[in-house]
Amino acid sequence: MAAPTSLRELVGQDWVTASITADASDEINAFFARHQLPPPRLAVRSQSALTLLTCLAKSDLLAMVSAQWERFEMTGKALNTIRVEEELTAPPLVLVRPSDLSPTSAALHLLDLMRRATSRLAAET
C-alpha cells in the first residue's frame, strides 16, 4: 500500500477494532457510512489495548486509535501512522458515579490528570 491519504484508499483492507459497544461493526460501519464508503472488513475484534497493539504490530491490520498512540514511545515505535483527510471522531469520555458517594482520593487525582491532559490536547489543536 503506497501512502494512502483517505479512507477511500483503505476500503477492502482488513481492520481490527477495540469495541466499546456490544457490536464492534456498529461503530466502525457507521463511521465509514458517514463518508459514503462500504463497511470495512473486520478481521479481529479485540477486548483490550494490548490485544489491539499486538495485532497491529504483528500484521497488516488497520485500526483507528487515539492520536496519543503515536506519541507514546512503545506504540509510536511499533506502529505506522496513516494520516487520512477525513476527520476521525471518538466517543466522549464521561464520569459516572453515584450521586450519594464522593470519589476516592485516587479517583479525584485521576480525574484531575485527565482534565489537565484534555486542556493540553485542546491547546495543541
Protein backbone atom coordinates (compact mmCIF):
# COMPACT_ATOMS: atom_id res chain seq x y z
CA MET A 1 0.00 0.00 0.00
CA ALA A 2 1.59 3.30 -1.09
CA ALA A 3 0.95 6.08 1.43
CA PRO A 4 -2.86 6.31 1.46
CA THR A 5 -4.31 9.71 2.32
CA SER A 6 -8.01 8.93 2.62
CA LEU A 7 -10.31 6.25 3.96
CA ARG A 8 -11.44 5.54 0.41
CA GLU A 9 -7.95 4.20 -0.31
CA LEU A 10 -8.25 1.83 2.67
CA VAL A 11 -11.51 0.20 1.56
CA GLY A 12 -11.05 -3.54 1.22
CA GLN A 13 -8.31 -3.76 3.83
CA ASP A 14 -8.65 -5.87 6.99
CA TRP A 15 -9.34 -4.00 10.23
CA VAL A 16 -9.12 -4.74 13.93
CA THR A 17 -11.43 -2.99 16.39
CA ALA A 18 -11.38 -2.35 20.10
CA SER A 19 -15.06 -2.15 20.70
CA ILE A 20 -16.78 -0.15 23.41
CA THR A 21 -20.19 -1.48 22.40
CA ALA A 22 -21.67 -4.96 22.10
CA ASP A 23 -21.35 -4.92 18.30
CA ALA A 24 -17.97 -3.71 17.03
CA SER A 25 -19.26 -3.43 13.49
CA ASP A 26 -21.85 -0.83 14.56
CA GLU A 27 -19.14 1.65 15.49
CA ILE A 28 -16.80 1.39 12.53
CA ASN A 29 -19.51 0.72 9.92
CA ALA A 30 -21.34 3.91 10.90
CA PHE A 31 -18.11 5.88 10.55
CA PHE A 32 -17.47 4.54 7.05
CA ALA A 33 -21.12 5.09 6.08
CA ARG A 34 -20.86 8.78 7.08
CA HIS A 35 -18.19 9.06 4.39
CA GLN A 36 -20.28 7.12 1.82
CA LEU A 37 -17.93 4.14 1.95
CA PRO A 38 -18.69 0.42 2.17
CA PRO A 39 -18.16 -1.17 5.57
CA PRO A 40 -14.61 -2.34 6.28
CA ARG A 41 -13.67 -5.99 6.66
CA LEU A 42 -13.41 -6.66 10.39
CA ALA A 43 -10.79 -9.36 10.80
CA VAL A 44 -10.32 -9.13 14.58
CA ARG A 45 -12.35 -7.75 17.46
CA SER A 46 -10.08 -7.07 20.41
CA GLN A 47 -11.13 -6.62 24.00
CA SER A 48 -8.02 -4.83 25.24
CA ALA A 49 -5.45 -2.29 24.16
CA LEU A 50 -2.71 -4.93 24.47
CA THR A 51 -4.52 -7.26 22.07
CA LEU A 52 -5.08 -4.37 19.67
CA LEU A 53 -1.43 -3.32 19.83
CA THR A 54 -0.19 -6.88 19.29
CA CYS A 55 -2.47 -7.39 16.29
CA LEU A 56 -1.38 -4.09 14.74
CA ALA A 57 2.33 -4.54 15.40
CA LYS A 58 2.49 -8.10 14.04
CA SER A 59 0.22 -7.87 10.98
CA ASP A 60 -1.02 -5.63 8.19
CA LEU A 61 -4.31 -5.00 10.01
CA LEU A 62 -5.58 -1.44 10.29
CA ALA A 63 -7.29 0.29 13.22
CA MET A 64 -8.41 3.71 14.31
CA VAL A 65 -6.68 4.52 17.58
CA SER A 66 -6.22 7.60 19.70
CA ALA A 67 -3.70 10.17 18.48
CA GLN A 68 -1.77 9.66 21.72
CA TRP A 69 -0.67 6.23 20.49
CA GLU A 70 1.65 7.96 18.03
CA ARG A 71 3.34 9.97 20.79
CA PHE A 72 3.62 7.10 23.28
CA GLU A 73 7.08 5.56 22.92
CA MET A 74 6.05 1.92 22.89
CA THR A 75 3.22 2.26 20.39
CA GLY A 76 4.79 5.05 18.36
CA LYS A 77 7.79 2.90 17.50
CA ALA A 78 5.79 -0.27 16.88
CA LEU A 79 3.13 1.16 14.56
CA ASN A 80 2.97 3.10 11.32
CA THR A 81 0.58 6.05 11.25
CA ILE A 82 -1.63 6.61 8.22
CA ARG A 83 -2.85 10.19 8.11
CA VAL A 84 -6.16 10.48 6.31
CA GLU A 85 -8.03 13.61 5.26
CA GLU A 86 -11.28 12.57 6.93
CA GLU A 87 -11.83 13.73 10.49
CA LEU A 88 -11.82 10.74 12.81
CA THR A 89 -14.22 11.13 15.68
CA ALA A 90 -14.35 9.37 19.02
CA PRO A 91 -17.00 8.99 21.67
CA PRO A 92 -16.75 11.47 24.53
CA LEU A 93 -15.35 10.43 27.88
CA VAL A 94 -17.73 10.82 30.79
CA LEU A 95 -17.55 10.43 34.53
CA VAL A 96 -20.33 8.33 36.02
CA ARG A 97 -20.66 7.96 39.75
CA PRO A 98 -23.41 7.50 42.32
CA SER A 99 -24.69 10.88 43.48
CA ASP A 100 -24.56 9.80 47.12
CA LEU A 101 -20.88 8.77 47.06
CA SER A 102 -17.84 11.01 46.84
CA PRO A 103 -14.97 9.86 44.61
CA THR A 104 -11.93 8.44 46.36
CA SER A 105 -8.72 10.45 46.53
CA ALA A 106 -7.25 8.28 43.79
CA ALA A 107 -10.30 8.84 41.56
CA LEU A 108 -10.12 12.60 42.12
CA HIS A 109 -6.42 12.57 41.22
CA LEU A 110 -7.09 10.58 38.05
CA LEU A 111 -9.90 12.96 37.10
CA ASP A 112 -7.56 15.92 37.63
CA LEU A 113 -4.90 14.31 35.41
CA MET A 114 -7.49 13.66 32.70
CA ARG A 115 -8.72 17.26 32.82
CA ARG A 116 -5.15 18.58 32.56
CA ALA A 117 -4.40 16.31 29.62
CA THR A 118 -7.59 17.43 27.91
CA SER A 119 -6.59 21.07 28.33
CA ARG A 120 -3.12 20.40 26.90
CA LEU A 121 -4.52 18.49 23.93
CA ALA A 122 -7.05 21.23 23.22
CA ALA A 123 -4.25 23.81 23.26
CA GLU A 124 -2.24 21.74 20.72
CA THR A 125 -5.02 21.71 18.15
